[in-house]
Structures are given as C-alpha cells and as structure tokens.
Amino acid sequence: MDNSVSHFFESLNLPAAKPDIADLRGLEAPEPMERVLLACTGLRPGEVYLARVPHVPMPLFPHLESRGLNWRVHEDPGQGVLLAVFRG
C-alpha cells in the first residue's frame, strides 16, 4: 500500500486484524449501495466495514447517516474509492 492508503487505514484506528475489503467496483448500480447498507445493518461500535467502490458514493451518505453510521472515503487513483463505514 502506498503511504496515503496506509495513512487512511491508520486514521480508522482498526484493530490489529484488519477486516476484509469487499470489492464492489464491478457491480451495476444500485447494487454496491445496497450491499453496503445490508452489510452495515448489524455493525456494532468498534466494528468497521470496508469496501472498494468505483467512485465516491454521494447518494449513499444520507442513508448511512439516517442509520446512525459514519463513513470515511479515500480516493485511490486507478483503484476507485476505499469506503469505511462504522458506528459512531
């Protein structure tokens, strides 16, 4: 990983064993958004869901917010966007 991606992961304060990253880049809309929402349904405090999506998912953010979830994104040129979703 390059320094900017490493810094992104460090900023999330993940446990030593980082969760898997779901690769949702090849899916047709709205499937990536639906998968993120489904996967994040049971997130508990301290848990993080990580996904690689094709672009910054602006339409997803209000849905996450209404569910009490927070997010961070990191644009990774040529690789899409890393999305981290976590509960406050």
PDB file of N, CA and C in Angstrom:
ATOM      1  N   MET A   1       0.846  -1.188   0.000  1.00  0.00           N
ATOM      2  CA  MET A   1       0.000   0.000   0.000  1.00  0.00           C
ATOM      3  C   MET A   1       0.877   1.232   0.000  1.00  0.00           C
ATOM      4  N   ASP A   2       0.416   2.258  -0.673  1.00  0.00           N
ATOM      5  CA  ASP A   2       1.185   3.495  -0.638  1.00  0.00           C
ATOM      6  C   ASP A   2       0.913   4.222   0.676  1.00  0.00           C
ATOM      7  N   ASN A   3       1.676   5.262   0.927  1.00  0.00           N
ATOM      8  CA  ASN A   3       1.564   5.976   2.198  1.00  0.00           C
ATOM      9  C   ASN A   3       0.182   6.556   2.435  1.00  0.00           C
ATOM     10  N   SER A   4      -0.482   7.062   1.397  1.00  0.00           N
ATOM     11  CA  SER A   4      -1.779   7.679   1.609  1.00  0.00           C
ATOM     12  C   SER A   4      -2.824   6.641   1.997  1.00  0.00           C
ATOM     13  N   VAL A   5      -2.781   5.450   1.411  1.00  0.00           N
ATOM     14  CA  VAL A   5      -3.713   4.389   1.797  1.00  0.00           C
ATOM     15  C   VAL A   5      -3.375   3.913   3.206  1.00  0.00           C
ATOM     16  N   SER A   6      -2.107   3.756   3.499  1.00  0.00           N
ATOM     17  CA  SER A   6      -1.702   3.356   4.849  1.00  0.00           C
ATOM     18  C   SER A   6      -2.189   4.368   5.870  1.00  0.00           C
ATOM     19  N   HIS A   7      -2.040   5.633   5.555  1.00  0.00           N
ATOM     20  CA  HIS A   7      -2.492   6.689   6.470  1.00  0.00           C
ATOM     21  C   HIS A   7      -3.998   6.616   6.666  1.00  0.00           C
ATOM     22  N   PHE A   8      -4.736   6.334   5.595  1.00  0.00           N
ATOM     23  CA  PHE A   8      -6.187   6.190   5.692  1.00  0.00           C
ATOM     24  C   PHE A   8      -6.534   5.086   6.685  1.00  0.00           C
ATOM     25  N   PHE A   9      -5.886   3.918   6.559  1.00  0.00           N
ATOM     26  CA  PHE A   9      -6.165   2.820   7.476  1.00  0.00           C
ATOM     27  C   PHE A   9      -5.770   3.180   8.909  1.00  0.00           C
ATOM     28  N   GLU A  10      -4.645   3.830   9.073  1.00  0.00           N
ATOM     29  CA  GLU A  10      -4.220   4.241  10.415  1.00  0.00           C
ATOM     30  C   GLU A  10      -5.229   5.191  11.043  1.00  0.00           C
ATOM     31  N   SER A  11      -5.810   6.076  10.251  1.00  0.00           N
ATOM     32  CA  SER A  11      -6.761   7.049  10.780  1.00  0.00           C
ATOM     33  C   SER A  11      -8.050   6.395  11.265  1.00  0.00           C
ATOM     34  N   LEU A  12      -8.308   5.165  10.832  1.00  0.00           N
ATOM     35  CA  LEU A  12      -9.522   4.461  11.243  1.00  0.00           C
ATOM     36  C   LEU A  12      -9.374   3.773  12.594  1.00  0.00           C
ATOM     37  N   ASN A  13      -8.155   3.696  13.099  1.00  0.00           N
ATOM     38  CA  ASN A  13      -7.893   3.018  14.374  1.00  0.00           C
ATOM     39  C   ASN A  13      -8.446   1.602  14.374  1.00  0.00           C
ATOM     40  N   LEU A  14      -8.144   0.856  13.329  1.00  0.00           N
ATOM     41  CA  LEU A  14      -8.614  -0.513  13.214  1.00  0.00           C
ATOM     42  C   LEU A  14      -7.872  -1.421  14.182  1.00  0.00           C
ATOM     43  N   PRO A  15      -8.516  -2.513  14.575  1.00  0.00           N
ATOM     44  CA  PRO A  15      -7.790  -3.497  15.386  1.00  0.00           C
ATOM     45  C   PRO A  15      -6.648  -4.087  14.569  1.00  0.00           C
ATOM     46  N   ALA A  16      -5.767  -4.809  15.233  1.00  0.00           N
ATOM     47  CA  ALA A  16      -4.586  -5.364  14.561  1.00  0.00           C
ATOM     48  C   ALA A  16      -4.977  -6.187  13.333  1.00  0.00           C
ATOM     49  N   ALA A  17      -6.036  -6.964  13.438  1.00  0.00           N
ATOM     50  CA  ALA A  17      -6.506  -7.763  12.303  1.00  0.00           C
ATOM     51  C   ALA A  17      -7.512  -6.927  11.516  1.00  0.00           C
ATOM     52  N   LYS A  18      -7.052  -6.362  10.422  1.00  0.00           N
ATOM     53  CA  LYS A  18      -7.935  -5.518   9.612  1.00  0.00           C
ATOM     54  C   LYS A  18      -9.016  -6.368   8.953  1.00  0.00           C
ATOM     55  N   PRO A  19     -10.240  -5.848   8.893  1.00  0.00           N
ATOM     56  CA  PRO A  19     -11.302  -6.601   8.209  1.00  0.00           C
ATOM     57  C   PRO A  19     -11.030  -6.692   6.713  1.00  0.00           C
ATOM     58  N   ASP A  20     -11.672  -7.641   6.071  1.00  0.00           N
ATOM     59  CA  ASP A  20     -11.549  -7.783   4.624  1.00  0.00           C
ATOM     60  C   ASP A  20     -12.140  -6.551   3.939  1.00  0.00           C
ATOM     61  N   ILE A  21     -11.699  -6.331   2.712  1.00  0.00           N
ATOM     62  CA  ILE A  21     -12.242  -5.236   1.909  1.00  0.00           C
ATOM     63  C   ILE A  21     -13.115  -5.845   0.818  1.00  0.00           C
ATOM     64  N   ALA A  22     -14.402  -5.526   0.848  1.00  0.00           N
ATOM     65  CA  ALA A  22     -15.323  -6.007  -0.188  1.00  0.00           C
ATOM     66  C   ALA A  22     -15.071  -5.210  -1.464  1.00  0.00           C
ATOM     67  N   ASP A  23     -14.878  -5.903  -2.574  1.00  0.00           N
ATOM     68  CA  ASP A  23     -14.654  -5.228  -3.850  1.00  0.00           C
ATOM     69  C   ASP A  23     -15.981  -5.156  -4.596  1.00  0.00           C
ATOM     70  N   LEU A  24     -16.557  -3.961  -4.632  1.00  0.00           N
ATOM     71  CA  LEU A  24     -17.867  -3.745  -5.244  1.00  0.00           C
ATOM     72  C   LEU A  24     -17.771  -2.965  -6.546  1.00  0.00           C
ATOM     73  N   ARG A  25     -16.573  -2.819  -7.084  1.00  0.00           N
ATOM     74  CA  ARG A  25     -16.375  -1.982  -8.266  1.00  0.00           C
ATOM     75  C   ARG A  25     -17.032  -2.518  -9.521  1.00  0.00           C
ATOM     76  N   GLY A  26     -17.181  -3.806  -9.681  1.00  0.00           N
ATOM     77  CA  GLY A  26     -17.701  -4.355 -10.923  1.00  0.00           C
ATOM     78  C   GLY A  26     -19.211  -4.501 -10.965  1.00  0.00           C
ATOM     79  N   LEU A  27     -19.897  -4.043  -9.936  1.00  0.00           N
ATOM     80  CA  LEU A  27     -21.343  -4.213  -9.857  1.00  0.00           C
ATOM     81  C   LEU A  27     -22.087  -3.038 -10.476  1.00  0.00           C
ATOM     82  N   GLU A  28     -23.238  -3.315 -11.026  1.00  0.00           N
ATOM     83  CA  GLU A  28     -24.101  -2.273 -11.589  1.00  0.00           C
ATOM     84  C   GLU A  28     -24.858  -1.567 -10.469  1.00  0.00           C
ATOM     85  N   ALA A  29     -25.046  -0.267 -10.621  1.00  0.00           N
ATOM     86  CA  ALA A  29     -25.842   0.495  -9.655  1.00  0.00           C
ATOM     87  C   ALA A  29     -27.274  -0.022  -9.699  1.00  0.00           C
ATOM     88  N   PRO A  30     -27.936  -0.069  -8.588  1.00  0.00           N
ATOM     89  CA  PRO A  30     -27.583   0.381  -7.243  1.00  0.00           C
ATOM     90  C   PRO A  30     -27.017  -0.725  -6.352  1.00  0.00           C
ATOM     91  N   GLU A  31     -26.546  -1.836  -6.934  1.00  0.00           N
ATOM     92  CA  GLU A  31     -26.104  -2.965  -6.129  1.00  0.00           C
ATOM     93  C   GLU A  31     -24.995  -2.638  -5.126  1.00  0.00           C
ATOM     94  N   PRO A  32     -23.968  -1.849  -5.484  1.00  0.00           N
ATOM     95  CA  PRO A  32     -22.962  -1.530  -4.464  1.00  0.00           C
ATOM     96  C   PRO A  32     -23.579  -0.847  -3.240  1.00  0.00           C
ATOM     97  N   MET A  33     -24.471   0.101  -3.461  1.00  0.00           N
ATOM     98  CA  MET A  33     -25.099   0.806  -2.349  1.00  0.00           C
ATOM     99  C   MET A  33     -25.935  -0.160  -1.510  1.00  0.00           C
ATOM    100  N   GLU A  34     -26.676  -1.026  -2.174  1.00  0.00           N
ATOM    101  CA  GLU A  34     -27.499  -1.991  -1.450  1.00  0.00           C
ATOM    102  C   GLU A  34     -26.647  -2.938  -0.622  1.00  0.00           C
ATOM    103  N   ARG A  35     -25.543  -3.383  -1.176  1.00  0.00           N
ATOM    104  CA  ARG A  35     -24.660  -4.301  -0.441  1.00  0.00           C
ATOM    105  C   ARG A  35     -24.027  -3.629   0.767  1.00  0.00           C
ATOM    106  N   VAL A  36     -23.626  -2.372   0.610  1.00  0.00           N
ATOM    107  CA  VAL A  36     -23.048  -1.647   1.741  1.00  0.00           C
ATOM    108  C   VAL A  36     -24.089  -1.510   2.852  1.00  0.00           C
ATOM    109  N   LEU A  37     -25.285  -1.101   2.502  1.00  0.00           N
ATOM    110  CA  LEU A  37     -26.331  -0.927   3.510  1.00  0.00           C
ATOM    111  C   LEU A  37     -26.653  -2.239   4.214  1.00  0.00           C
ATOM    112  N   LEU A  38     -26.747  -3.317   3.470  1.00  0.00           N
ATOM    113  CA  LEU A  38     -27.038  -4.618   4.061  1.00  0.00           C
ATOM    114  C   LEU A  38     -25.908  -5.061   4.990  1.00  0.00           C
ATOM    115  N   ALA A  39     -24.682  -4.905   4.529  1.00  0.00           N
ATOM    116  CA  ALA A  39     -23.526  -5.333   5.329  1.00  0.00           C
ATOM    117  C   ALA A  39     -23.381  -4.521   6.610  1.00  0.00           C
ATOM    118  N   CYS A  40     -23.845  -3.292   6.594  1.00  0.00           N
ATOM    119  CA  CYS A  40     -23.661  -2.406   7.747  1.00  0.00           C
ATOM    120  C   CYS A  40     -24.832  -2.452   8.728  1.00  0.00           C
ATOM    121  N   THR A  41     -25.845  -3.221   8.412  1.00  0.00           N
ATOM    122  CA  THR A  41     -27.030  -3.285   9.268  1.00  0.00           C
ATOM    123  C   THR A  41     -26.685  -3.644  10.703  1.00  0.00           C
ATOM    124  N   GLY A  42     -25.825  -4.610  10.895  1.00  0.00           N
ATOM    125  CA  GLY A  42     -25.525  -5.076  12.248  1.00  0.00           C
ATOM    126  C   GLY A  42     -24.227  -4.569  12.825  1.00  0.00           C
ATOM    127  N   LEU A  43     -23.655  -3.521  12.249  1.00  0.00           N
ATOM    128  CA  LEU A  43     -22.381  -3.011  12.782  1.00  0.00           C
ATOM    129  C   LEU A  43     -22.543  -2.559  14.226  1.00  0.00           C
ATOM    130  N   ARG A  44     -21.611  -2.994  15.047  1.00  0.00           N
ATOM    131  CA  ARG A  44     -21.591  -2.569  16.447  1.00  0.00           C
ATOM    132  C   ARG A  44     -20.479  -1.537  16.623  1.00  0.00           C
ATOM    133  N   PRO A  45     -20.541  -0.764  17.686  1.00  0.00           N
ATOM    134  CA  PRO A  45     -19.457   0.190  17.942  1.00  0.00           C
ATOM    135  C   PRO A  45     -18.103  -0.528  17.924  1.00  0.00           C
ATOM    136  N   GLY A  46     -17.161   0.071  17.245  1.00  0.00           N
ATOM    137  CA  GLY A  46     -15.823  -0.500  17.139  1.00  0.00           C
ATOM    138  C   GLY A  46     -15.620  -1.358  15.904  1.00  0.00           C
ATOM    139  N   GLU A  47     -16.692  -1.737  15.224  1.00  0.00           N
ATOM    140  CA  GLU A  47     -16.568  -2.521  14.005  1.00  0.00           C
ATOM    141  C   GLU A  47     -16.529  -1.590  12.795  1.00  0.00           C
ATOM    142  N   VAL A  48     -15.831  -2.032  11.761  1.00  0.00           N
ATOM    143  CA  VAL A  48     -15.691  -1.236  10.536  1.00  0.00           C
ATOM    144  C   VAL A  48     -15.972  -2.142   9.341  1.00  0.00           C
ATOM    145  N   TYR A  49     -16.755  -1.629   8.406  1.00  0.00           N
ATOM    146  CA  TYR A  49     -16.975  -2.309   7.136  1.00  0.00           C
ATOM    147  C   TYR A  49     -16.176  -1.558   6.091  1.00  0.00           C
ATOM    148  N   LEU A  50     -15.361  -2.290   5.339  1.00  0.00           N
ATOM    149  CA  LEU A  50     -14.524  -1.685   4.307  1.00  0.00           C
ATOM    150  C   LEU A  50     -14.942  -2.194   2.940  1.00  0.00           C
ATOM    151  N   ALA A  51     -15.045  -1.274   1.991  1.00  0.00           N
ATOM    152  CA  ALA A  51     -15.395  -1.655   0.620  1.00  0.00           C
ATOM    153  C   ALA A  51     -14.630  -0.776  -0.353  1.00  0.00           C
ATOM    154  N   ARG A  52     -14.345  -1.362  -1.496  1.00  0.00           N
ATOM    155  CA  ARG A  52     -13.769  -0.601  -2.603  1.00  0.00           C
ATOM    156  C   ARG A  52     -14.901  -0.417  -3.613  1.00  0.00           C
ATOM    157  N   VAL A  53     -15.207   0.845  -3.898  1.00  0.00           N
ATOM    158  CA  VAL A  53     -16.293   1.191  -4.810  1.00  0.00           C
ATOM    159  C   VAL A  53     -15.722   2.013  -5.964  1.00  0.00           C
ATOM    160  N   PRO A  54     -16.457   2.105  -7.089  1.00  0.00           N
ATOM    161  CA  PRO A  54     -15.883   2.767  -8.261  1.00  0.00           C
ATOM    162  C   PRO A  54     -15.708   4.270  -8.122  1.00  0.00           C
ATOM    163  N   HIS A  55     -16.527   4.915  -7.290  1.00  0.00           N
ATOM    164  CA  HIS A  55     -16.443   6.379  -7.136  1.00  0.00           C
ATOM    165  C   HIS A  55     -17.031   6.761  -5.778  1.00  0.00           C
ATOM    166  N   VAL A  56     -16.855   7.996  -5.389  1.00  0.00           N
ATOM    167  CA  VAL A  56     -17.399   8.464  -4.106  1.00  0.00           C
ATOM    168  C   VAL A  56     -18.917   8.310  -4.151  1.00  0.00           C
ATOM    169  N   PRO A  57     -19.489   7.526  -3.247  1.00  0.00           N
ATOM    170  CA  PRO A  57     -20.915   7.201  -3.300  1.00  0.00           C
ATOM    171  C   PRO A  57     -21.796   8.244  -2.601  1.00  0.00           C
ATOM    172  N   MET A  58     -21.859   9.424  -3.164  1.00  0.00           N
ATOM    173  CA  MET A  58     -22.618  10.522  -2.551  1.00  0.00           C
ATOM    174  C   MET A  58     -24.067  10.136  -2.206  1.00  0.00           C
ATOM    175  N   PRO A  59     -24.811   9.426  -3.065  1.00  0.00           N
ATOM    176  CA  PRO A  59     -26.192   9.080  -2.720  1.00  0.00           C
ATOM    177  C   PRO A  59     -26.299   8.144  -1.509  1.00  0.00           C
ATOM    178  N   LEU A  60     -25.219   7.452  -1.182  1.00  0.00           N
ATOM    179  CA  LEU A  60     -25.224   6.530  -0.049  1.00  0.00           C
ATOM    180  C   LEU A  60     -25.179   7.257   1.296  1.00  0.00           C
ATOM    181  N   PHE A  61     -24.520   8.395   1.343  1.00  0.00           N
ATOM    182  CA  PHE A  61     -24.253   9.051   2.617  1.00  0.00           C
ATOM    183  C   PHE A  61     -25.504   9.404   3.429  1.00  0.00           C
ATOM    184  N   PRO A  62     -26.572   9.947   2.840  1.00  0.00           N
ATOM    185  CA  PRO A  62     -27.774  10.210   3.644  1.00  0.00           C
ATOM    186  C   PRO A  62     -28.381   8.935   4.239  1.00  0.00           C
ATOM    187  N   HIS A  63     -28.277   7.822   3.521  1.00  0.00           N
ATOM    188  CA  HIS A  63     -28.795   6.552   4.029  1.00  0.00           C
ATOM    189  C   HIS A  63     -27.978   6.079   5.227  1.00  0.00           C
ATOM    190  N   LEU A  64     -26.664   6.233   5.142  1.00  0.00           N
ATOM    191  CA  LEU A  64     -25.809   5.865   6.273  1.00  0.00           C
ATOM    192  C   LEU A  64     -26.100   6.752   7.467  1.00  0.00           C
ATOM    193  N   GLU A  65     -26.194   8.038   7.216  1.00  0.00           N
ATOM    194  CA  GLU A  65     -26.461   8.996   8.293  1.00  0.00           C
ATOM    195  C   GLU A  65     -27.780   8.687   8.998  1.00  0.00           C
ATOM    196  N   SER A  66     -28.822   8.361   8.230  1.00  0.00           N
ATOM    197  CA  SER A  66     -30.128   8.077   8.836  1.00  0.00           C
ATOM    198  C   SER A  66     -30.098   6.812   9.686  1.00  0.00           C
ATOM    199  N   ARG A  67     -29.097   5.966   9.489  1.00  0.00           N
ATOM    200  CA  ARG A  67     -28.941   4.745  10.274  1.00  0.00           C
ATOM    201  C   ARG A  67     -27.940   4.920  11.417  1.00  0.00           C
ATOM    202  N   GLY A  68     -27.486   6.142  11.625  1.00  0.00           N
ATOM    203  CA  GLY A  68     -26.543   6.411  12.710  1.00  0.00           C
ATOM    204  C   GLY A  68     -25.136   5.932  12.428  1.00  0.00           C
ATOM    205  N   LEU A  69     -24.782   5.828  11.148  1.00  0.00           N
ATOM    206  CA  LEU A  69     -23.459   5.357  10.761  1.00  0.00           C
ATOM    207  C   LEU A  69     -22.595   6.505  10.265  1.00  0.00           C
ATOM    208  N   ASN A  70     -21.307   6.367  10.480  1.00  0.00           N
ATOM    209  CA  ASN A  70     -20.325   7.336  10.000  1.00  0.00           C
ATOM    210  C   ASN A  70     -19.528   6.687   8.877  1.00  0.00           C
ATOM    211  N   TRP A  71     -18.833   7.495   8.110  1.00  0.00           N
ATOM    212  CA  TRP A  71     -18.056   6.973   6.996  1.00  0.00           C
ATOM    213  C   TRP A  71     -16.853   7.858   6.745  1.00  0.00           C
ATOM    214  N   ARG A  72     -15.904   7.264   6.071  1.00  0.00           N
ATOM    215  CA  ARG A  72     -14.749   7.988   5.541  1.00  0.00           C
ATOM    216  C   ARG A  72     -14.451   7.394   4.184  1.00  0.00           C
ATOM    217  N   VAL A  73     -13.956   8.219   3.301  1.00  0.00           N
ATOM    218  CA  VAL A  73     -13.566   7.744   1.978  1.00  0.00           C
ATOM    219  C   VAL A  73     -12.142   8.165   1.683  1.00  0.00           C
ATOM    220  N   HIS A  74     -11.510   7.355   0.864  1.00  0.00           N
ATOM    221  CA  HIS A  74     -10.166   7.670   0.386  1.00  0.00           C
ATOM    222  C   HIS A  74     -10.148   7.365  -1.102  1.00  0.00           C
ATOM    223  N   GLU A  75      -9.967   8.406  -1.901  1.00  0.00           N
ATOM    224  CA  GLU A  75      -9.877   8.209  -3.347  1.00  0.00           C
ATOM    225  C   GLU A  75      -8.491   7.672  -3.668  1.00  0.00           C
ATOM    226  N   ASP A  76      -8.472   6.527  -4.311  1.00  0.00           N
ATOM    227  CA  ASP A  76      -7.238   5.821  -4.622  1.00  0.00           C
ATOM    228  C   ASP A  76      -7.114   5.782  -6.145  1.00  0.00           C
ATOM    229  N   PRO A  77      -6.406   6.736  -6.751  1.00  0.00           N
ATOM    230  CA  PRO A  77      -6.352   6.844  -8.216  1.00  0.00           C
ATOM    231  C   PRO A  77      -6.089   5.508  -8.903  1.00  0.00           C
ATOM    232  N   GLY A  78      -6.936   5.209  -9.869  1.00  0.00           N
ATOM    233  CA  GLY A  78      -6.811   3.979 -10.614  1.00  0.00           C
ATOM    234  C   GLY A  78      -7.412   2.761  -9.930  1.00  0.00           C
ATOM    235  N   GLN A  79      -7.782   2.901  -8.672  1.00  0.00           N
ATOM    236  CA  GLN A  79      -8.314   1.782  -7.907  1.00  0.00           C
ATOM    237  C   GLN A  79      -9.713   2.043  -7.371  1.00  0.00           C
ATOM    238  N   GLY A  80     -10.278   3.196  -7.688  1.00  0.00           N
ATOM    239  CA  GLY A  80     -11.599   3.541  -7.149  1.00  0.00           C
ATOM    240  C   GLY A  80     -11.481   4.254  -5.816  1.00  0.00           C
ATOM    241  N   VAL A  81     -12.428   3.972  -4.956  1.00  0.00           N
ATOM    242  CA  VAL A  81     -12.512   4.643  -3.659  1.00  0.00           C
ATOM    243  C   VAL A  81     -12.590   3.591  -2.567  1.00  0.00           C
ATOM    244  N   LEU A  82     -11.814   3.789  -1.512  1.00  0.00           N
ATOM    245  CA  LEU A  82     -11.962   2.964  -0.317  1.00  0.00           C
ATOM    246  C   LEU A  82     -12.999   3.625   0.563  1.00  0.00           C
ATOM    247  N   LEU A  83     -13.979   2.864   0.982  1.00  0.00           N
ATOM    248  CA  LEU A  83     -15.055   3.351   1.831  1.00  0.00           C
ATOM    249  C   LEU A  83     -14.993   2.602   3.156  1.00  0.00           C
ATOM    250  N   ALA A  84     -14.981   3.339   4.235  1.00  0.00           N
ATOM    251  CA  ALA A  84     -15.034   2.745   5.580  1.00  0.00           C
ATOM    252  C   ALA A  84     -16.315   3.238   6.233  1.00  0.00           C
ATOM    253  N   VAL A  85     -17.099   2.304   6.741  1.00  0.00           N
ATOM    254  CA  VAL A  85     -18.348   2.632   7.424  1.00  0.00           C
ATOM    255  C   VAL A  85     -18.251   2.087   8.846  1.00  0.00           C
ATOM    256  N   PHE A  86     -18.630   2.899   9.809  1.00  0.00           N
ATOM    257  CA  PHE A  86     -18.540   2.493  11.210  1.00  0.00           C
ATOM    258  C   PHE A  86     -19.625   3.187  12.017  1.00  0.00           C
ATOM    259  N   ARG A  87     -19.911   2.611  13.168  1.00  0.00           N
ATOM    260  CA  ARG A  87     -20.915   3.182  14.055  1.00  0.00           C
ATOM    261  C   ARG A  87     -20.215   4.102  15.046  1.00  0.00           C
ATOM    262  N   GLY A  88     -20.688   5.334  15.077  1.00  0.00           N
ATOM    263  CA  GLY A  88     -20.209   6.408  15.920  1.00  0.00           C
ATOM    264  C   GLY A  88     -19.293   6.015  16.982  1.00  0.00           C
TER     265      GLY A  88
END
